[in-house]
Amino acid sequence: MNDLEQRGRQAAELADRIGRGDRSAEEALARHYGPKLEFVLRRHVREPSLATDLRQEALIVVIQRLRKEGLAEPDKLAAFLYQTAINLARGEARTFFRRNTHPDFEAVGRAAATTPLLVDRLEQRELGEMVRAVLEELSQARDREILRRFYLHEEAKESICASLELSTEHFDRVLYRARQRFRQLLEARLGDSLTAP
């Protein structure tokens, strides 16, 4: 079993546990995907506080969906979560949320299921090559190492902190600065094409 298949199986197991009401699985979802989700959202909204709010909203939408009806393809939990967040960031649901005290979680979930993913619009191989190239352009080796290990290899924060002898607070600062430098290089290369509808 390759890494992609293993991650898909783990995602499906997590989705199943959430569907059965396992609160620890919900916490695991937030802990595992939350930081990556916020990183994606900051590319869309540029306001850290709004990105944090939308991350929480997306997690709630997905948890509600998993509790009620599940996903047709639970192994694609991450893609569904990211697309839900992007839908929220694009304002497809935010206006509704501002006018109502009870958001329509099902409508947002349906939109996420039917909206084409970014990887469907770009050649996945080309996108991967571009991300690797941008990573290599980072001038600091530690930036490259942290971003690669945390985001690409999905290594646990604690493991990275231990091997690099960083406190969790220092890790957060280093990761934030590395993400900022990576984003600047990525924006210089792509402009706004990454968020184009």
N, C-alpha and C. Protein backbone atom coordinates (compact mmCIF):
# COMPACT_ATOMS: atom_id res chain seq x y z
N MET A 1 0.85 -1.20 0.00
CA MET A 1 0.00 0.00 0.00
C MET A 1 0.89 1.25 0.00
N ASN A 2 0.65 2.16 -0.96
CA ASN A 2 1.46 3.38 -1.00
C ASN A 2 0.93 4.42 -0.01
N ASP A 3 1.67 5.54 0.12
CA ASP A 3 1.32 6.57 1.09
C ASP A 3 -0.07 7.14 0.84
N LEU A 4 -0.40 7.38 -0.43
CA LEU A 4 -1.70 7.96 -0.77
C LEU A 4 -2.83 7.04 -0.35
N GLU A 5 -2.68 5.75 -0.62
CA GLU A 5 -3.72 4.79 -0.23
C GLU A 5 -3.85 4.70 1.29
N GLN A 6 -2.69 4.73 1.96
CA GLN A 6 -2.72 4.65 3.43
C GLN A 6 -3.41 5.87 4.03
N ARG A 7 -3.11 7.06 3.48
CA ARG A 7 -3.76 8.27 3.98
C ARG A 7 -5.26 8.24 3.71
N GLY A 8 -5.63 7.70 2.54
CA GLY A 8 -7.05 7.58 2.23
C GLY A 8 -7.76 6.64 3.19
N ARG A 9 -7.11 5.54 3.53
CA ARG A 9 -7.70 4.59 4.48
C ARG A 9 -7.84 5.22 5.87
N GLN A 10 -6.81 5.96 6.29
CA GLN A 10 -6.87 6.62 7.60
C GLN A 10 -7.97 7.68 7.63
N ALA A 11 -8.12 8.41 6.52
CA ALA A 11 -9.18 9.42 6.44
C ALA A 11 -10.55 8.76 6.52
N ALA A 12 -10.72 7.64 5.81
CA ALA A 12 -12.00 6.92 5.83
C ALA A 12 -12.32 6.41 7.24
N GLU A 13 -11.31 5.92 7.94
CA GLU A 13 -11.51 5.45 9.31
C GLU A 13 -11.91 6.60 10.23
N LEU A 14 -11.25 7.75 10.05
CA LEU A 14 -11.57 8.93 10.86
C LEU A 14 -13.00 9.39 10.58
N ALA A 15 -13.38 9.42 9.30
CA ALA A 15 -14.75 9.81 8.93
C ALA A 15 -15.77 8.87 9.55
N ASP A 16 -15.48 7.58 9.53
CA ASP A 16 -16.39 6.59 10.12
C ASP A 16 -16.54 6.80 11.63
N ARG A 17 -15.44 7.05 12.31
CA ARG A 17 -15.49 7.26 13.76
C ARG A 17 -16.31 8.51 14.09
N ILE A 18 -16.13 9.57 13.31
CA ILE A 18 -16.90 10.80 13.55
C ILE A 18 -18.39 10.51 13.31
N GLY A 19 -18.68 9.77 12.26
CA GLY A 19 -20.06 9.42 11.96
C GLY A 19 -20.72 8.63 13.07
N ARG A 20 -19.93 7.88 13.83
CA ARG A 20 -20.46 7.10 14.95
C ARG A 20 -20.45 7.90 16.26
N GLY A 21 -20.13 9.21 16.19
CA GLY A 21 -20.22 10.06 17.37
C GLY A 21 -18.98 10.07 18.26
N ASP A 22 -17.84 9.65 17.72
CA ASP A 22 -16.60 9.61 18.49
C ASP A 22 -16.01 11.01 18.60
N ARG A 23 -16.11 11.61 19.79
CA ARG A 23 -15.61 12.98 20.00
C ARG A 23 -14.10 13.07 19.84
N SER A 24 -13.39 12.03 20.21
CA SER A 24 -11.93 12.07 20.08
C SER A 24 -11.54 12.11 18.60
N ALA A 25 -12.35 11.52 17.74
CA ALA A 25 -12.09 11.57 16.30
C ALA A 25 -12.30 12.99 15.77
N GLU A 26 -13.30 13.68 16.31
CA GLU A 26 -13.52 15.07 15.91
C GLU A 26 -12.32 15.94 16.31
N GLU A 27 -11.80 15.69 17.51
CA GLU A 27 -10.62 16.43 17.96
C GLU A 27 -9.42 16.10 17.08
N ALA A 28 -9.29 14.84 16.70
CA ALA A 28 -8.19 14.43 15.82
C ALA A 28 -8.30 15.11 14.46
N LEU A 29 -9.52 15.23 13.94
CA LEU A 29 -9.74 15.92 12.67
C LEU A 29 -9.25 17.36 12.76
N ALA A 30 -9.66 18.05 13.81
CA ALA A 30 -9.27 19.46 13.99
C ALA A 30 -7.77 19.60 14.17
N ARG A 31 -7.20 18.69 14.95
CA ARG A 31 -5.76 18.77 15.25
C ARG A 31 -4.93 18.48 14.00
N HIS A 32 -5.35 17.48 13.22
CA HIS A 32 -4.56 17.06 12.06
C HIS A 32 -4.72 18.02 10.87
N TYR A 33 -5.96 18.40 10.58
CA TYR A 33 -6.20 19.21 9.39
C TYR A 33 -6.27 20.71 9.65
N GLY A 34 -6.53 21.11 10.90
CA GLY A 34 -6.73 22.52 11.20
C GLY A 34 -5.62 23.44 10.73
N PRO A 35 -4.34 23.18 11.09
CA PRO A 35 -3.27 24.09 10.67
C PRO A 35 -3.12 24.17 9.15
N LYS A 36 -3.24 23.04 8.46
CA LYS A 36 -3.12 23.04 7.00
C LYS A 36 -4.28 23.79 6.37
N LEU A 37 -5.46 23.60 6.95
CA LEU A 37 -6.65 24.27 6.45
C LEU A 37 -6.51 25.78 6.59
N GLU A 38 -6.00 26.21 7.72
CA GLU A 38 -5.82 27.66 7.92
C GLU A 38 -4.80 28.22 6.95
N PHE A 39 -3.76 27.45 6.66
CA PHE A 39 -2.75 27.89 5.69
C PHE A 39 -3.40 28.11 4.32
N VAL A 40 -4.25 27.19 3.89
CA VAL A 40 -4.96 27.32 2.62
C VAL A 40 -5.88 28.53 2.65
N LEU A 41 -6.60 28.70 3.74
CA LEU A 41 -7.56 29.81 3.83
C LEU A 41 -6.88 31.16 3.81
N ARG A 42 -5.71 31.27 4.39
CA ARG A 42 -5.02 32.56 4.39
C ARG A 42 -4.66 33.00 2.99
N ARG A 43 -4.50 32.05 2.09
CA ARG A 43 -4.23 32.40 0.69
C ARG A 43 -5.46 33.02 0.04
N HIS A 44 -6.64 32.70 0.57
CA HIS A 44 -7.89 33.19 -0.01
C HIS A 44 -8.40 34.46 0.66
N VAL A 45 -8.26 34.59 1.98
CA VAL A 45 -8.88 35.72 2.66
C VAL A 45 -7.90 36.76 3.18
N ARG A 46 -6.65 36.36 3.40
CA ARG A 46 -5.56 37.26 3.79
C ARG A 46 -5.72 37.88 5.17
N GLU A 47 -6.81 37.65 5.85
CA GLU A 47 -6.99 38.14 7.23
C GLU A 47 -6.86 36.96 8.17
N PRO A 48 -5.84 36.94 9.03
CA PRO A 48 -5.64 35.79 9.91
C PRO A 48 -6.86 35.45 10.77
N SER A 49 -7.52 36.46 11.32
CA SER A 49 -8.67 36.18 12.19
C SER A 49 -9.83 35.57 11.39
N LEU A 50 -10.04 36.05 10.17
CA LEU A 50 -11.10 35.49 9.34
C LEU A 50 -10.75 34.06 8.91
N ALA A 51 -9.48 33.83 8.59
CA ALA A 51 -9.05 32.47 8.23
C ALA A 51 -9.31 31.51 9.39
N THR A 52 -9.04 31.97 10.61
CA THR A 52 -9.28 31.12 11.79
C THR A 52 -10.76 30.82 11.94
N ASP A 53 -11.61 31.85 11.77
CA ASP A 53 -13.05 31.66 11.87
C ASP A 53 -13.56 30.68 10.80
N LEU A 54 -13.08 30.85 9.58
CA LEU A 54 -13.52 29.98 8.49
C LEU A 54 -13.02 28.55 8.66
N ARG A 55 -11.83 28.41 9.23
CA ARG A 55 -11.34 27.06 9.53
C ARG A 55 -12.29 26.35 10.48
N GLN A 56 -12.69 27.06 11.55
CA GLN A 56 -13.61 26.48 12.52
C GLN A 56 -14.96 26.16 11.87
N GLU A 57 -15.44 27.08 11.04
CA GLU A 57 -16.72 26.89 10.38
C GLU A 57 -16.67 25.67 9.46
N ALA A 58 -15.57 25.53 8.71
CA ALA A 58 -15.44 24.39 7.81
C ALA A 58 -15.41 23.07 8.58
N LEU A 59 -14.70 23.05 9.69
CA LEU A 59 -14.65 21.83 10.52
C LEU A 59 -16.04 21.47 11.03
N ILE A 60 -16.80 22.48 11.45
CA ILE A 60 -18.16 22.24 11.95
C ILE A 60 -19.04 21.68 10.84
N VAL A 61 -18.96 22.28 9.65
CA VAL A 61 -19.77 21.82 8.52
C VAL A 61 -19.47 20.35 8.21
N VAL A 62 -18.20 20.02 8.16
CA VAL A 62 -17.81 18.65 7.80
C VAL A 62 -18.21 17.66 8.90
N ILE A 63 -18.02 18.04 10.15
CA ILE A 63 -18.41 17.15 11.25
C ILE A 63 -19.92 16.92 11.22
N GLN A 64 -20.69 17.99 11.00
CA GLN A 64 -22.15 17.85 10.91
C GLN A 64 -22.53 16.91 9.77
N ARG A 65 -21.85 17.05 8.63
CA ARG A 65 -22.14 16.20 7.47
C ARG A 65 -21.82 14.74 7.78
N LEU A 66 -20.68 14.51 8.43
CA LEU A 66 -20.28 13.14 8.75
C LEU A 66 -21.23 12.51 9.77
N ARG A 67 -21.70 13.30 10.73
CA ARG A 67 -22.63 12.78 11.73
C ARG A 67 -23.97 12.41 11.10
N LYS A 68 -24.39 13.21 10.13
CA LYS A 68 -25.74 13.04 9.60
C LYS A 68 -25.82 12.01 8.47
N GLU A 69 -24.93 12.14 7.47
CA GLU A 69 -25.06 11.26 6.31
C GLU A 69 -23.75 10.69 5.80
N GLY A 70 -22.64 11.16 6.30
CA GLY A 70 -21.35 10.65 5.84
C GLY A 70 -20.98 11.20 4.47
N LEU A 71 -19.93 10.65 3.90
CA LEU A 71 -19.45 11.06 2.58
C LEU A 71 -19.52 9.87 1.64
N ALA A 72 -19.79 10.14 0.38
CA ALA A 72 -19.81 9.08 -0.62
C ALA A 72 -18.42 8.47 -0.78
N GLU A 73 -17.39 9.31 -0.64
CA GLU A 73 -16.01 8.84 -0.74
C GLU A 73 -15.25 9.29 0.51
N PRO A 74 -15.39 8.58 1.61
CA PRO A 74 -14.77 9.02 2.86
C PRO A 74 -13.25 9.07 2.82
N ASP A 75 -12.64 8.35 1.88
CA ASP A 75 -11.18 8.41 1.76
C ASP A 75 -10.73 9.77 1.22
N LYS A 76 -11.68 10.56 0.70
CA LYS A 76 -11.36 11.90 0.20
C LYS A 76 -11.81 12.97 1.20
N LEU A 77 -11.76 12.63 2.47
CA LEU A 77 -12.16 13.55 3.54
C LEU A 77 -11.40 14.86 3.47
N ALA A 78 -10.09 14.81 3.28
CA ALA A 78 -9.28 16.03 3.25
C ALA A 78 -9.72 16.95 2.11
N ALA A 79 -9.93 16.38 0.92
CA ALA A 79 -10.35 17.19 -0.22
C ALA A 79 -11.70 17.83 0.04
N PHE A 80 -12.62 17.07 0.64
CA PHE A 80 -13.94 17.61 0.95
C PHE A 80 -13.83 18.74 1.97
N LEU A 81 -12.98 18.56 2.97
CA LEU A 81 -12.79 19.58 4.00
C LEU A 81 -12.21 20.85 3.39
N TYR A 82 -11.17 20.70 2.56
CA TYR A 82 -10.55 21.88 1.96
C TYR A 82 -11.51 22.60 1.01
N GLN A 83 -12.29 21.84 0.24
CA GLN A 83 -13.22 22.49 -0.68
C GLN A 83 -14.33 23.20 0.08
N THR A 84 -14.77 22.63 1.19
CA THR A 84 -15.77 23.30 2.03
C THR A 84 -15.23 24.63 2.52
N ALA A 85 -13.99 24.64 2.98
CA ALA A 85 -13.37 25.87 3.47
C ALA A 85 -13.25 26.91 2.37
N ILE A 86 -12.86 26.46 1.18
CA ILE A 86 -12.72 27.40 0.06
C ILE A 86 -14.07 27.97 -0.33
N ASN A 87 -15.11 27.13 -0.30
CA ASN A 87 -16.45 27.64 -0.58
C ASN A 87 -16.84 28.74 0.40
N LEU A 88 -16.54 28.51 1.67
CA LEU A 88 -16.84 29.52 2.68
C LEU A 88 -16.04 30.79 2.41
N ALA A 89 -14.77 30.63 2.08
CA ALA A 89 -13.91 31.78 1.83
C ALA A 89 -14.36 32.59 0.63
N ARG A 90 -14.91 31.93 -0.35
CA ARG A 90 -15.37 32.64 -1.54
C ARG A 90 -16.67 33.38 -1.32
N GLY A 91 -17.25 33.22 -0.16
CA GLY A 91 -18.45 33.97 0.14
C GLY A 91 -19.73 33.28 -0.26
N GLU A 92 -19.65 32.01 -0.72
CA GLU A 92 -20.86 31.31 -1.13
C GLU A 92 -21.79 31.06 0.04
N ALA A 93 -21.21 30.95 1.24
CA ALA A 93 -22.05 30.72 2.41
C ALA A 93 -21.97 31.85 3.42
N ARG A 94 -20.94 32.70 3.38
CA ARG A 94 -20.76 33.71 4.42
C ARG A 94 -21.93 34.68 4.49
N THR A 95 -22.44 35.11 3.33
CA THR A 95 -23.57 36.04 3.35
C THR A 95 -24.77 35.42 4.05
N PHE A 96 -25.00 34.15 3.76
CA PHE A 96 -26.11 33.45 4.40
C PHE A 96 -25.89 33.37 5.90
N PHE A 97 -24.66 33.09 6.30
CA PHE A 97 -24.35 32.97 7.73
C PHE A 97 -24.59 34.30 8.46
N ARG A 98 -24.28 35.42 7.79
CA ARG A 98 -24.45 36.71 8.45
C ARG A 98 -25.94 37.04 8.65
N ARG A 99 -26.79 36.55 7.77
CA ARG A 99 -28.22 36.87 7.85
C ARG A 99 -29.00 35.93 8.74
N ASN A 100 -28.45 34.77 9.03
CA ASN A 100 -29.19 33.75 9.77
C ASN A 100 -28.43 33.28 10.99
N THR A 101 -29.18 32.91 12.00
CA THR A 101 -28.55 32.40 13.21
C THR A 101 -28.31 30.90 13.13
N HIS A 102 -28.92 30.22 12.13
CA HIS A 102 -28.75 28.78 11.98
C HIS A 102 -28.24 28.49 10.57
N PRO A 103 -26.91 28.34 10.40
CA PRO A 103 -26.37 28.10 9.07
C PRO A 103 -26.89 26.80 8.46
N ASP A 104 -27.01 26.78 7.15
CA ASP A 104 -27.45 25.60 6.43
C ASP A 104 -26.21 24.74 6.12
N PHE A 105 -25.83 23.90 7.08
CA PHE A 105 -24.63 23.09 6.92
C PHE A 105 -24.75 22.15 5.73
N GLU A 106 -25.95 21.64 5.48
CA GLU A 106 -26.13 20.70 4.38
C GLU A 106 -25.88 21.37 3.04
N ALA A 107 -26.32 22.62 2.89
CA ALA A 107 -26.12 23.33 1.62
C ALA A 107 -24.64 23.53 1.35
N VAL A 108 -23.88 23.89 2.38
CA VAL A 108 -22.45 24.08 2.20
C VAL A 108 -21.79 22.75 1.86
N GLY A 109 -22.21 21.68 2.53
CA GLY A 109 -21.65 20.36 2.24
C GLY A 109 -21.94 19.92 0.82
N ARG A 110 -23.17 20.17 0.34
CA ARG A 110 -23.52 19.81 -1.04
C ARG A 110 -22.68 20.61 -2.03
N ALA A 111 -22.47 21.89 -1.72
CA ALA A 111 -21.65 22.72 -2.61
C ALA A 111 -20.23 22.20 -2.69
N ALA A 112 -19.69 21.77 -1.54
CA ALA A 112 -18.33 21.23 -1.53
C ALA A 112 -18.25 19.95 -2.35
N ALA A 113 -19.30 19.14 -2.31
CA ALA A 113 -19.29 17.86 -3.02
C ALA A 113 -19.39 18.04 -4.53
N THR A 114 -19.99 19.16 -4.98
CA THR A 114 -20.21 19.33 -6.41
C THR A 114 -19.27 20.33 -7.06
N THR A 115 -18.53 21.12 -6.26
CA THR A 115 -17.63 22.12 -6.82
C THR A 115 -16.33 21.45 -7.25
N PRO A 116 -15.84 21.71 -8.46
CA PRO A 116 -14.58 21.10 -8.89
C PRO A 116 -13.44 21.50 -7.98
N LEU A 117 -12.57 20.55 -7.67
CA LEU A 117 -11.41 20.82 -6.84
C LEU A 117 -10.33 21.50 -7.65
N LEU A 118 -9.43 22.19 -6.95
CA LEU A 118 -8.30 22.84 -7.61
C LEU A 118 -7.50 21.82 -8.41
N VAL A 119 -7.26 20.64 -7.83
CA VAL A 119 -6.46 19.64 -8.53
C VAL A 119 -7.16 19.13 -9.78
N ASP A 120 -8.48 19.33 -9.88
CA ASP A 120 -9.19 18.96 -11.10
C ASP A 120 -8.98 19.99 -12.19
N ARG A 121 -8.66 21.24 -11.80
CA ARG A 121 -8.47 22.30 -12.78
C ARG A 121 -7.03 22.41 -13.24
N LEU A 122 -6.10 21.96 -12.42
CA LEU A 122 -4.69 22.01 -12.78
C LEU A 122 -4.16 20.59 -12.90
N GLU A 123 -3.17 20.41 -13.71
CA GLU A 123 -2.53 19.11 -13.77
C GLU A 123 -1.84 18.87 -12.44
N GLN A 124 -2.18 17.77 -11.78
CA GLN A 124 -1.64 17.50 -10.45
C GLN A 124 -0.11 17.41 -10.47
N ARG A 125 0.41 16.79 -11.49
CA ARG A 125 1.87 16.65 -11.58
C ARG A 125 2.54 18.00 -11.70
N GLU A 126 1.95 18.87 -12.54
CA GLU A 126 2.51 20.20 -12.74
C GLU A 126 2.47 21.00 -11.44
N LEU A 127 1.36 20.89 -10.71
CA LEU A 127 1.23 21.59 -9.45
C LEU A 127 2.28 21.09 -8.44
N GLY A 128 2.45 19.76 -8.37
CA GLY A 128 3.45 19.20 -7.46
C GLY A 128 4.84 19.66 -7.80
N GLU A 129 5.17 19.68 -9.08
CA GLU A 129 6.50 20.13 -9.51
C GLU A 129 6.72 21.59 -9.15
N MET A 130 5.68 22.40 -9.32
CA MET A 130 5.81 23.81 -9.00
C MET A 130 6.04 24.03 -7.51
N VAL A 131 5.28 23.30 -6.66
CA VAL A 131 5.44 23.44 -5.22
C VAL A 131 6.85 23.03 -4.80
N ARG A 132 7.33 21.91 -5.36
CA ARG A 132 8.70 21.47 -5.04
C ARG A 132 9.72 22.51 -5.48
N ALA A 133 9.51 23.10 -6.66
CA ALA A 133 10.45 24.11 -7.16
C ALA A 133 10.46 25.34 -6.25
N VAL A 134 9.27 25.76 -5.81
CA VAL A 134 9.19 26.92 -4.93
C VAL A 134 9.85 26.62 -3.59
N LEU A 135 9.65 25.41 -3.09
CA LEU A 135 10.31 25.02 -1.84
C LEU A 135 11.82 25.13 -1.97
N GLU A 136 12.35 24.69 -3.10
CA GLU A 136 13.81 24.74 -3.30
C GLU A 136 14.32 26.17 -3.41
N GLU A 137 13.44 27.10 -3.78
CA GLU A 137 13.86 28.50 -3.89
C GLU A 137 13.99 29.18 -2.53
N LEU A 138 13.41 28.58 -1.49
CA LEU A 138 13.54 29.16 -0.16
C LEU A 138 15.00 29.18 0.24
N SER A 139 15.47 30.32 0.72
CA SER A 139 16.90 30.47 0.99
C SER A 139 17.35 29.75 2.26
N GLN A 140 16.45 29.54 3.21
CA GLN A 140 16.83 28.92 4.48
C GLN A 140 16.48 27.43 4.47
N ALA A 141 17.49 26.62 4.75
CA ALA A 141 17.30 25.16 4.75
C ALA A 141 16.25 24.74 5.77
N ARG A 142 16.21 25.43 6.93
CA ARG A 142 15.24 25.05 7.95
C ARG A 142 13.81 25.30 7.48
N ASP A 143 13.58 26.37 6.72
CA ASP A 143 12.25 26.63 6.15
C ASP A 143 11.84 25.46 5.26
N ARG A 144 12.75 25.05 4.38
CA ARG A 144 12.44 23.95 3.46
C ARG A 144 12.14 22.67 4.23
N GLU A 145 12.94 22.40 5.24
CA GLU A 145 12.77 21.16 6.00
C GLU A 145 11.44 21.14 6.76
N ILE A 146 11.12 22.24 7.43
CA ILE A 146 9.89 22.28 8.23
C ILE A 146 8.65 22.19 7.34
N LEU A 147 8.62 22.94 6.27
CA LEU A 147 7.45 22.91 5.38
C LEU A 147 7.29 21.53 4.75
N ARG A 148 8.40 20.96 4.32
CA ARG A 148 8.33 19.63 3.69
C ARG A 148 7.84 18.58 4.69
N ARG A 149 8.41 18.58 5.88
CA ARG A 149 8.06 17.55 6.86
C ARG A 149 6.64 17.73 7.40
N PHE A 150 6.25 18.98 7.68
CA PHE A 150 4.95 19.22 8.30
C PHE A 150 3.80 19.10 7.31
N TYR A 151 3.98 19.66 6.10
CA TYR A 151 2.87 19.69 5.14
C TYR A 151 2.89 18.55 4.13
N LEU A 152 4.07 18.24 3.59
CA LEU A 152 4.12 17.20 2.57
C LEU A 152 4.15 15.80 3.17
N HIS A 153 4.95 15.63 4.23
CA HIS A 153 5.05 14.31 4.85
C HIS A 153 4.10 14.14 6.03
N GLU A 154 3.41 15.23 6.40
CA GLU A 154 2.42 15.21 7.49
C GLU A 154 3.01 14.63 8.78
N GLU A 155 4.25 15.02 9.05
CA GLU A 155 4.91 14.58 10.27
C GLU A 155 4.36 15.36 11.46
N ALA A 156 4.27 14.72 12.59
CA ALA A 156 3.73 15.36 13.79
C ALA A 156 4.62 16.51 14.25
N LYS A 157 3.97 17.55 14.72
CA LYS A 157 4.68 18.74 15.22
C LYS A 157 5.67 18.36 16.31
N GLU A 158 5.26 17.48 17.21
CA GLU A 158 6.11 17.09 18.34
C GLU A 158 7.39 16.43 17.86
N SER A 159 7.27 15.60 16.82
CA SER A 159 8.44 14.91 16.27
C SER A 159 9.43 15.89 15.66
N ILE A 160 8.90 16.86 14.92
CA ILE A 160 9.77 17.86 14.30
C ILE A 160 10.45 18.71 15.37
N CYS A 161 9.68 19.10 16.38
CA CYS A 161 10.25 19.91 17.48
C CYS A 161 11.39 19.16 18.15
N ALA A 162 11.19 17.87 18.40
CA ALA A 162 12.22 17.08 19.08
C ALA A 162 13.50 16.99 18.25
N SER A 163 13.35 16.72 16.95
CA SER A 163 14.55 16.55 16.12
C SER A 163 15.28 17.87 15.86
N LEU A 164 14.54 18.99 15.85
CA LEU A 164 15.17 20.30 15.60
C LEU A 164 15.45 21.07 16.89
N GLU A 165 15.11 20.43 18.02
CA GLU A 165 15.32 21.04 19.34
C GLU A 165 14.63 22.41 19.45
N LEU A 166 13.33 22.41 19.11
CA LEU A 166 12.52 23.62 19.17
C LEU A 166 11.41 23.43 20.20
N SER A 167 11.07 24.50 20.91
CA SER A 167 9.86 24.45 21.74
C SER A 167 8.67 24.56 20.80
N THR A 168 7.48 24.19 21.30
CA THR A 168 6.30 24.29 20.43
C THR A 168 6.01 25.74 20.05
N GLU A 169 6.27 26.67 20.98
CA GLU A 169 6.04 28.09 20.68
C GLU A 169 7.01 28.58 19.61
N HIS A 170 8.28 28.18 19.74
CA HIS A 170 9.27 28.58 18.75
C HIS A 170 8.95 27.95 17.39
N PHE A 171 8.51 26.69 17.41
CA PHE A 171 8.12 26.02 16.18
C PHE A 171 7.02 26.81 15.46
N ASP A 172 6.01 27.26 16.21
CA ASP A 172 4.91 28.02 15.61
C ASP A 172 5.42 29.28 14.92
N ARG A 173 6.37 29.96 15.57
CA ARG A 173 6.92 31.18 14.97
C ARG A 173 7.73 30.86 13.72
N VAL A 174 8.56 29.82 13.81
CA VAL A 174 9.38 29.43 12.66
C VAL A 174 8.50 29.00 11.49
N LEU A 175 7.47 28.20 11.79
CA LEU A 175 6.55 27.73 10.75
C LEU A 175 5.82 28.91 10.10
N TYR A 176 5.38 29.85 10.91
CA TYR A 176 4.67 31.01 10.38
C TYR A 176 5.57 31.79 9.41
N ARG A 177 6.81 32.04 9.84
CA ARG A 177 7.73 32.81 8.98
C ARG A 177 8.05 32.02 7.70
N ALA A 178 8.23 30.72 7.82
CA ALA A 178 8.51 29.90 6.64
C ALA A 178 7.34 29.94 5.67
N ARG A 179 6.11 29.85 6.21
CA ARG A 179 4.92 29.91 5.34
C ARG A 179 4.84 31.26 4.63
N GLN A 180 5.16 32.34 5.36
CA GLN A 180 5.10 33.67 4.75
C GLN A 180 6.09 33.77 3.59
N ARG A 181 7.30 33.28 3.82
CA ARG A 181 8.31 33.35 2.75
C ARG A 181 7.91 32.47 1.57
N PHE A 182 7.37 31.28 1.86
CA PHE A 182 6.91 30.39 0.79
C PHE A 182 5.78 31.06 0.01
N ARG A 183 4.84 31.67 0.71
CA ARG A 183 3.71 32.31 0.04
C ARG A 183 4.17 33.44 -0.87
N GLN A 184 5.14 34.22 -0.41
CA GLN A 184 5.65 35.32 -1.24
C GLN A 184 6.25 34.79 -2.54
N LEU A 185 7.02 33.71 -2.43
CA LEU A 185 7.60 33.12 -3.64
C LEU A 185 6.52 32.55 -4.54
N LEU A 186 5.53 31.89 -3.95
CA LEU A 186 4.45 31.29 -4.74
C LEU A 186 3.63 32.36 -5.43
N GLU A 187 3.33 33.44 -4.73
CA GLU A 187 2.56 34.53 -5.33
C GLU A 187 3.34 35.19 -6.46
N ALA A 188 4.65 35.32 -6.27
CA ALA A 188 5.47 35.92 -7.33
C ALA A 188 5.44 35.06 -8.59
N ARG A 189 5.37 33.75 -8.39
CA ARG A 189 5.36 32.83 -9.53
C ARG A 189 3.98 32.73 -10.17
N LEU A 190 2.91 32.74 -9.35
CA LEU A 190 1.56 32.47 -9.86
C LEU A 190 0.66 33.68 -9.95
N GLY A 191 0.95 34.72 -9.21
CA GLY A 191 0.01 35.83 -9.13
C GLY A 191 -1.28 35.35 -8.50
N ASP A 192 -2.42 35.66 -9.11
CA ASP A 192 -3.72 35.26 -8.56
C ASP A 192 -4.27 34.00 -9.19
N SER A 193 -3.49 33.31 -10.02
CA SER A 193 -4.06 32.18 -10.75
C SER A 193 -4.46 31.03 -9.85
N LEU A 194 -3.86 30.93 -8.66
CA LEU A 194 -4.18 29.82 -7.77
C LEU A 194 -5.59 29.92 -7.24
N THR A 195 -6.10 31.14 -7.12
CA THR A 195 -7.45 31.31 -6.57
C THR A 195 -8.48 31.65 -7.62
N ALA A 196 -8.10 31.62 -8.87
CA ALA A 196 -9.06 31.95 -9.91
C ALA A 196 -10.16 30.90 -9.97
N PRO A 197 -11.43 31.36 -10.16
CA PRO A 197 -12.54 30.38 -10.22
C PRO A 197 -12.47 29.58 -11.50
